N, C-alpha and C. Protein backbone atom coordinates (compact mmCIF):
# COMPACT_ATOMS: atom_id res chain seq x y z
N MET A 1 0.63 0.53 4.15
CA MET A 1 0.91 -0.77 3.58
C MET A 1 -0.35 -1.41 3.00
N SER A 2 -1.47 -1.33 3.74
CA SER A 2 -2.72 -1.89 3.24
C SER A 2 -3.13 -1.26 1.92
N GLN A 3 -2.99 0.07 1.84
CA GLN A 3 -3.37 0.77 0.63
C GLN A 3 -2.52 0.32 -0.55
N ALA A 4 -1.22 0.16 -0.36
CA ALA A 4 -0.33 -0.25 -1.45
C ALA A 4 -0.70 -1.64 -1.97
N ILE A 5 -1.04 -2.55 -1.07
CA ILE A 5 -1.43 -3.91 -1.47
C ILE A 5 -2.73 -3.88 -2.25
N VAL A 6 -3.72 -3.16 -1.75
CA VAL A 6 -5.01 -3.08 -2.43
C VAL A 6 -4.86 -2.35 -3.77
N ASP A 7 -4.08 -1.28 -3.81
CA ASP A 7 -3.88 -0.56 -5.06
C ASP A 7 -3.22 -1.45 -6.12
N GLU A 8 -2.25 -2.24 -5.71
CA GLU A 8 -1.59 -3.14 -6.67
C GLU A 8 -2.59 -4.18 -7.16
N TYR A 9 -3.36 -4.77 -6.25
CA TYR A 9 -4.39 -5.73 -6.63
C TYR A 9 -5.38 -5.09 -7.61
N PHE A 10 -5.88 -3.90 -7.26
CA PHE A 10 -6.90 -3.24 -8.08
C PHE A 10 -6.36 -2.93 -9.48
N GLU A 11 -5.12 -2.50 -9.56
CA GLU A 11 -4.51 -2.20 -10.86
C GLU A 11 -4.42 -3.46 -11.72
N LEU A 12 -3.96 -4.55 -11.14
CA LEU A 12 -3.87 -5.81 -11.88
C LEU A 12 -5.26 -6.30 -12.27
N TRP A 13 -6.20 -6.26 -11.33
CA TRP A 13 -7.56 -6.72 -11.59
C TRP A 13 -8.21 -5.91 -12.70
N SER A 14 -8.02 -4.58 -12.67
CA SER A 14 -8.65 -3.73 -13.68
C SER A 14 -8.06 -3.94 -15.07
N GLN A 15 -6.88 -4.56 -15.13
CA GLN A 15 -6.26 -4.90 -16.41
C GLN A 15 -6.51 -6.36 -16.78
N CYS A 16 -7.40 -7.02 -16.06
CA CYS A 16 -7.75 -8.44 -16.28
C CYS A 16 -6.55 -9.37 -16.11
N LYS A 17 -5.62 -9.01 -15.25
CA LYS A 17 -4.45 -9.86 -14.96
C LYS A 17 -4.76 -10.65 -13.68
N TYR A 18 -5.76 -11.51 -13.79
CA TYR A 18 -6.31 -12.18 -12.62
C TYR A 18 -5.33 -13.13 -11.94
N ASP A 19 -4.55 -13.88 -12.71
CA ASP A 19 -3.60 -14.80 -12.10
C ASP A 19 -2.54 -14.06 -11.30
N GLU A 20 -2.16 -12.87 -11.75
CA GLU A 20 -1.18 -12.07 -11.03
C GLU A 20 -1.77 -11.51 -9.73
N CYS A 21 -3.06 -11.30 -9.70
CA CYS A 21 -3.74 -10.80 -8.49
C CYS A 21 -3.66 -11.80 -7.35
N ASP A 22 -3.64 -13.06 -7.69
CA ASP A 22 -3.74 -14.12 -6.70
C ASP A 22 -2.67 -14.02 -5.61
N ARG A 23 -1.48 -13.58 -5.95
CA ARG A 23 -0.39 -13.52 -4.97
C ARG A 23 -0.65 -12.48 -3.87
N LEU A 24 -1.59 -11.58 -4.11
CA LEU A 24 -1.93 -10.55 -3.13
C LEU A 24 -3.10 -10.95 -2.23
N LEU A 25 -3.66 -12.12 -2.49
CA LEU A 25 -4.83 -12.60 -1.76
C LEU A 25 -4.46 -13.70 -0.77
N SER A 26 -5.05 -13.64 0.40
CA SER A 26 -4.90 -14.72 1.37
C SER A 26 -5.54 -15.98 0.79
N ARG A 27 -4.94 -17.13 1.04
CA ARG A 27 -5.51 -18.40 0.57
C ARG A 27 -6.92 -18.59 1.12
N ASN A 28 -7.16 -18.06 2.34
CA ASN A 28 -8.47 -18.17 3.00
C ASN A 28 -9.32 -16.92 2.76
N LEU A 29 -9.14 -16.28 1.62
CA LEU A 29 -9.90 -15.08 1.29
C LEU A 29 -11.40 -15.32 1.47
N ARG A 30 -12.05 -14.37 2.13
CA ARG A 30 -13.51 -14.38 2.23
C ARG A 30 -14.04 -13.29 1.30
N PHE A 31 -14.85 -13.69 0.34
CA PHE A 31 -15.47 -12.73 -0.57
C PHE A 31 -16.97 -12.83 -0.42
N GLU A 32 -17.62 -11.66 -0.41
CA GLU A 32 -19.08 -11.63 -0.37
C GLU A 32 -19.56 -10.54 -1.31
N GLY A 33 -20.48 -10.91 -2.18
CA GLY A 33 -21.09 -9.96 -3.10
C GLY A 33 -22.54 -10.33 -3.33
N PRO A 34 -23.25 -9.57 -4.17
CA PRO A 34 -24.66 -9.85 -4.41
C PRO A 34 -24.94 -11.22 -5.01
N PHE A 35 -23.99 -11.77 -5.78
CA PHE A 35 -24.22 -13.05 -6.44
C PHE A 35 -23.48 -14.21 -5.82
N ASP A 36 -22.27 -13.97 -5.32
CA ASP A 36 -21.38 -15.05 -4.91
C ASP A 36 -20.81 -14.84 -3.52
N ARG A 37 -20.40 -15.96 -2.94
CA ARG A 37 -19.62 -15.97 -1.70
C ARG A 37 -18.54 -17.02 -1.88
N PHE A 38 -17.33 -16.68 -1.46
CA PHE A 38 -16.22 -17.61 -1.55
C PHE A 38 -15.46 -17.60 -0.24
N GLU A 39 -14.83 -18.73 0.07
CA GLU A 39 -14.04 -18.87 1.28
C GLU A 39 -12.59 -19.19 0.97
N ASP A 40 -12.20 -19.06 -0.30
CA ASP A 40 -10.80 -19.30 -0.67
C ASP A 40 -10.47 -18.49 -1.93
N SER A 41 -9.20 -18.14 -2.07
CA SER A 41 -8.79 -17.28 -3.18
C SER A 41 -8.90 -17.97 -4.53
N ALA A 42 -8.62 -19.27 -4.58
CA ALA A 42 -8.66 -19.98 -5.87
C ALA A 42 -10.05 -19.93 -6.50
N SER A 43 -11.08 -20.19 -5.70
CA SER A 43 -12.46 -20.15 -6.22
C SER A 43 -12.83 -18.73 -6.65
N PHE A 44 -12.42 -17.75 -5.87
CA PHE A 44 -12.70 -16.35 -6.20
C PHE A 44 -12.05 -15.97 -7.52
N VAL A 45 -10.77 -16.28 -7.69
CA VAL A 45 -10.05 -15.91 -8.92
C VAL A 45 -10.68 -16.59 -10.13
N GLU A 46 -11.07 -17.85 -10.01
CA GLU A 46 -11.72 -18.54 -11.13
C GLU A 46 -13.03 -17.86 -11.51
N ALA A 47 -13.80 -17.42 -10.52
CA ALA A 47 -15.06 -16.73 -10.80
C ALA A 47 -14.82 -15.38 -11.46
N VAL A 48 -13.82 -14.66 -10.97
CA VAL A 48 -13.53 -13.34 -11.52
C VAL A 48 -13.06 -13.44 -12.97
N LYS A 49 -12.34 -14.49 -13.30
CA LYS A 49 -11.88 -14.69 -14.68
C LYS A 49 -13.05 -14.72 -15.66
N ARG A 50 -14.19 -15.20 -15.20
CA ARG A 50 -15.36 -15.29 -16.09
C ARG A 50 -15.92 -13.92 -16.44
N LEU A 51 -15.50 -12.88 -15.71
CA LEU A 51 -15.94 -11.51 -16.02
C LEU A 51 -15.19 -10.90 -17.20
N ALA A 52 -14.01 -11.41 -17.49
CA ALA A 52 -13.14 -10.80 -18.51
C ALA A 52 -13.86 -10.46 -19.82
N PRO A 53 -14.69 -11.33 -20.37
CA PRO A 53 -15.32 -11.01 -21.66
C PRO A 53 -16.25 -9.80 -21.62
N ILE A 54 -16.75 -9.42 -20.44
CA ILE A 54 -17.70 -8.30 -20.40
C ILE A 54 -17.05 -6.99 -19.94
N VAL A 55 -15.78 -7.05 -19.48
CA VAL A 55 -15.12 -5.84 -18.97
C VAL A 55 -14.65 -4.97 -20.12
N LYS A 56 -15.17 -3.75 -20.15
CA LYS A 56 -14.72 -2.77 -21.14
C LYS A 56 -13.69 -1.83 -20.50
N GLU A 57 -13.99 -1.41 -19.26
CA GLU A 57 -13.10 -0.48 -18.57
C GLU A 57 -13.46 -0.46 -17.09
N ILE A 58 -12.46 -0.19 -16.25
CA ILE A 58 -12.66 0.01 -14.82
C ILE A 58 -12.15 1.42 -14.51
N ARG A 59 -13.03 2.27 -13.97
CA ARG A 59 -12.64 3.65 -13.66
C ARG A 59 -12.76 3.90 -12.17
N LYS A 60 -11.63 4.03 -11.50
CA LYS A 60 -11.64 4.30 -10.06
C LYS A 60 -12.13 5.73 -9.84
N ARG A 61 -13.09 5.87 -8.90
CA ARG A 61 -13.64 7.18 -8.60
C ARG A 61 -13.14 7.74 -7.27
N LYS A 62 -13.02 6.86 -6.25
CA LYS A 62 -12.62 7.33 -4.93
C LYS A 62 -12.07 6.16 -4.13
N GLU A 63 -11.14 6.48 -3.23
CA GLU A 63 -10.55 5.47 -2.36
C GLU A 63 -10.46 6.03 -0.95
N PHE A 64 -10.85 5.21 0.02
CA PHE A 64 -10.78 5.57 1.42
C PHE A 64 -9.94 4.53 2.15
N VAL A 65 -9.09 4.99 3.07
CA VAL A 65 -8.22 4.07 3.81
C VAL A 65 -8.40 4.33 5.30
N ASP A 66 -8.57 3.24 6.05
CA ASP A 66 -8.68 3.31 7.50
C ASP A 66 -7.90 2.12 8.07
N GLY A 67 -6.61 2.31 8.27
CA GLY A 67 -5.77 1.24 8.78
C GLY A 67 -5.74 0.07 7.81
N PRO A 68 -6.16 -1.13 8.27
CA PRO A 68 -6.12 -2.31 7.41
C PRO A 68 -7.28 -2.40 6.43
N ASP A 69 -8.19 -1.41 6.47
CA ASP A 69 -9.37 -1.41 5.60
C ASP A 69 -9.24 -0.36 4.51
N VAL A 70 -9.56 -0.79 3.30
CA VAL A 70 -9.52 0.10 2.13
C VAL A 70 -10.84 -0.07 1.40
N CYS A 71 -11.45 1.04 1.03
CA CYS A 71 -12.69 1.01 0.25
C CYS A 71 -12.43 1.73 -1.06
N ILE A 72 -12.76 1.07 -2.16
CA ILE A 72 -12.63 1.68 -3.49
C ILE A 72 -14.01 1.72 -4.13
N ILE A 73 -14.36 2.89 -4.60
CA ILE A 73 -15.59 3.08 -5.37
C ILE A 73 -15.18 3.28 -6.81
N TYR A 74 -15.78 2.50 -7.70
CA TYR A 74 -15.37 2.56 -9.10
C TYR A 74 -16.55 2.30 -10.03
N ASP A 75 -16.37 2.68 -11.28
CA ASP A 75 -17.35 2.38 -12.32
C ASP A 75 -16.88 1.14 -13.06
N PHE A 76 -17.72 0.13 -13.07
CA PHE A 76 -17.47 -1.12 -13.80
C PHE A 76 -18.17 -0.96 -15.14
N VAL A 77 -17.41 -0.66 -16.17
CA VAL A 77 -17.97 -0.39 -17.50
C VAL A 77 -17.96 -1.69 -18.28
N THR A 78 -19.15 -2.12 -18.71
CA THR A 78 -19.26 -3.38 -19.42
C THR A 78 -19.65 -3.15 -20.87
N ASN A 79 -19.48 -4.19 -21.66
CA ASN A 79 -19.92 -4.15 -23.06
C ASN A 79 -21.24 -4.90 -23.19
N THR A 80 -22.06 -4.84 -22.14
CA THR A 80 -23.34 -5.54 -22.10
C THR A 80 -24.47 -4.53 -21.92
N PRO A 81 -25.72 -4.98 -21.98
CA PRO A 81 -26.83 -4.08 -21.71
C PRO A 81 -26.80 -3.47 -20.30
N ALA A 82 -26.05 -4.07 -19.38
CA ALA A 82 -25.93 -3.50 -18.03
C ALA A 82 -25.21 -2.16 -18.06
N GLY A 83 -24.38 -1.94 -19.09
CA GLY A 83 -23.68 -0.66 -19.23
C GLY A 83 -22.66 -0.45 -18.13
N THR A 84 -22.72 0.72 -17.49
CA THR A 84 -21.78 1.08 -16.43
C THR A 84 -22.47 0.94 -15.08
N VAL A 85 -21.83 0.18 -14.19
CA VAL A 85 -22.40 -0.08 -12.87
C VAL A 85 -21.43 0.44 -11.82
N PRO A 86 -21.86 1.36 -10.95
CA PRO A 86 -21.00 1.80 -9.85
C PRO A 86 -20.90 0.69 -8.80
N ILE A 87 -19.68 0.45 -8.32
CA ILE A 87 -19.43 -0.61 -7.34
C ILE A 87 -18.55 -0.05 -6.23
N ALA A 88 -18.84 -0.46 -5.00
CA ALA A 88 -17.96 -0.18 -3.86
C ALA A 88 -17.42 -1.52 -3.38
N GLU A 89 -16.12 -1.59 -3.17
CA GLU A 89 -15.52 -2.80 -2.62
C GLU A 89 -14.73 -2.44 -1.37
N TRP A 90 -15.00 -3.20 -0.31
CA TRP A 90 -14.33 -3.01 0.97
C TRP A 90 -13.34 -4.15 1.13
N PHE A 91 -12.06 -3.80 1.18
CA PHE A 91 -10.97 -4.75 1.32
C PHE A 91 -10.43 -4.69 2.75
N HIS A 92 -10.09 -5.86 3.29
CA HIS A 92 -9.41 -5.91 4.59
C HIS A 92 -8.10 -6.66 4.38
N VAL A 93 -7.01 -6.08 4.90
CA VAL A 93 -5.67 -6.65 4.72
C VAL A 93 -5.15 -7.14 6.07
N GLU A 94 -4.65 -8.38 6.07
CA GLU A 94 -4.00 -8.97 7.25
C GLU A 94 -2.73 -9.66 6.81
N ASN A 95 -1.66 -9.47 7.56
CA ASN A 95 -0.39 -10.15 7.28
C ASN A 95 0.09 -9.96 5.84
N GLY A 96 -0.13 -8.76 5.31
CA GLY A 96 0.36 -8.44 3.98
C GLY A 96 -0.45 -9.00 2.82
N LYS A 97 -1.63 -9.54 3.11
CA LYS A 97 -2.49 -10.11 2.05
C LYS A 97 -3.92 -9.61 2.26
N ILE A 98 -4.66 -9.54 1.16
CA ILE A 98 -6.08 -9.20 1.26
C ILE A 98 -6.81 -10.42 1.81
N SER A 99 -7.44 -10.25 2.98
CA SER A 99 -8.09 -11.40 3.62
C SER A 99 -9.61 -11.42 3.39
N SER A 100 -10.17 -10.26 3.06
CA SER A 100 -11.61 -10.25 2.75
C SER A 100 -11.93 -9.11 1.79
N ILE A 101 -12.96 -9.37 0.98
CA ILE A 101 -13.48 -8.38 0.05
C ILE A 101 -15.00 -8.45 0.13
N GLN A 102 -15.62 -7.30 0.30
CA GLN A 102 -17.08 -7.24 0.21
C GLN A 102 -17.42 -6.28 -0.91
N ALA A 103 -18.15 -6.78 -1.90
CA ALA A 103 -18.57 -5.97 -3.05
C ALA A 103 -20.03 -5.56 -2.85
N ILE A 104 -20.29 -4.27 -3.04
CA ILE A 104 -21.62 -3.72 -2.86
C ILE A 104 -22.02 -2.97 -4.13
N PHE A 105 -23.10 -3.43 -4.76
CA PHE A 105 -23.58 -2.77 -5.98
C PHE A 105 -25.01 -3.21 -6.26
N ASP A 106 -25.67 -2.46 -7.12
CA ASP A 106 -27.02 -2.79 -7.56
C ASP A 106 -26.90 -3.92 -8.59
N ALA A 107 -27.33 -5.09 -8.23
CA ALA A 107 -27.18 -6.26 -9.10
C ALA A 107 -28.29 -6.39 -10.14
N ARG A 108 -29.28 -5.54 -10.08
CA ARG A 108 -30.43 -5.69 -10.99
C ARG A 108 -30.06 -5.68 -12.47
N PRO A 109 -29.15 -4.81 -12.94
CA PRO A 109 -28.81 -4.87 -14.38
C PRO A 109 -28.22 -6.22 -14.79
N PHE A 110 -27.43 -6.83 -13.93
CA PHE A 110 -26.84 -8.13 -14.24
C PHE A 110 -27.86 -9.25 -14.12
N ALA A 111 -28.73 -9.17 -13.12
CA ALA A 111 -29.76 -10.18 -12.94
C ALA A 111 -30.69 -10.24 -14.15
N ALA A 112 -31.01 -9.06 -14.70
CA ALA A 112 -31.85 -9.01 -15.89
C ALA A 112 -31.18 -9.72 -17.06
N MET A 113 -29.85 -9.55 -17.19
CA MET A 113 -29.14 -10.24 -18.29
C MET A 113 -29.16 -11.75 -18.09
N MET A 114 -29.00 -12.20 -16.86
CA MET A 114 -28.94 -13.63 -16.58
C MET A 114 -30.27 -14.32 -16.75
N THR A 115 -31.36 -13.59 -16.54
CA THR A 115 -32.68 -14.19 -16.67
C THR A 115 -33.33 -13.88 -18.01
N GLY A 116 -32.66 -13.05 -18.81
CA GLY A 116 -33.21 -12.69 -20.10
C GLY A 116 -34.21 -11.56 -20.04
N GLY A 117 -34.38 -10.98 -18.85
CA GLY A 117 -35.31 -9.87 -18.69
C GLY A 117 -34.67 -8.54 -19.08
N HIS A 118 -35.42 -7.47 -18.95
CA HIS A 118 -34.90 -6.15 -19.31
C HIS A 118 -35.00 -5.20 -18.15
């Protein structure tokens, strides 16, 4: 069940259908990544929407499932100087909703874009 929920979320997210993703997220979603932390799904979805202009493609490479925990490793392909960035996301599902997401990736290519560095 956890895998089906995360797979549906990931498919919608990779197609930039962010508002549709929201129904799969707990209202009290905890998100942690290199740049942001959120304690609710609404703030997370609004932040993710800002990624849409740079998303060129999302390519899933591997998925691991351990009960309520699902880990997806994917290539985040951008139309920016950051290029393609491998990302691992660890999802935890409770009561039929994604209750937490931890994103792990090398943030340096994005940090350079934000500061104007190379």
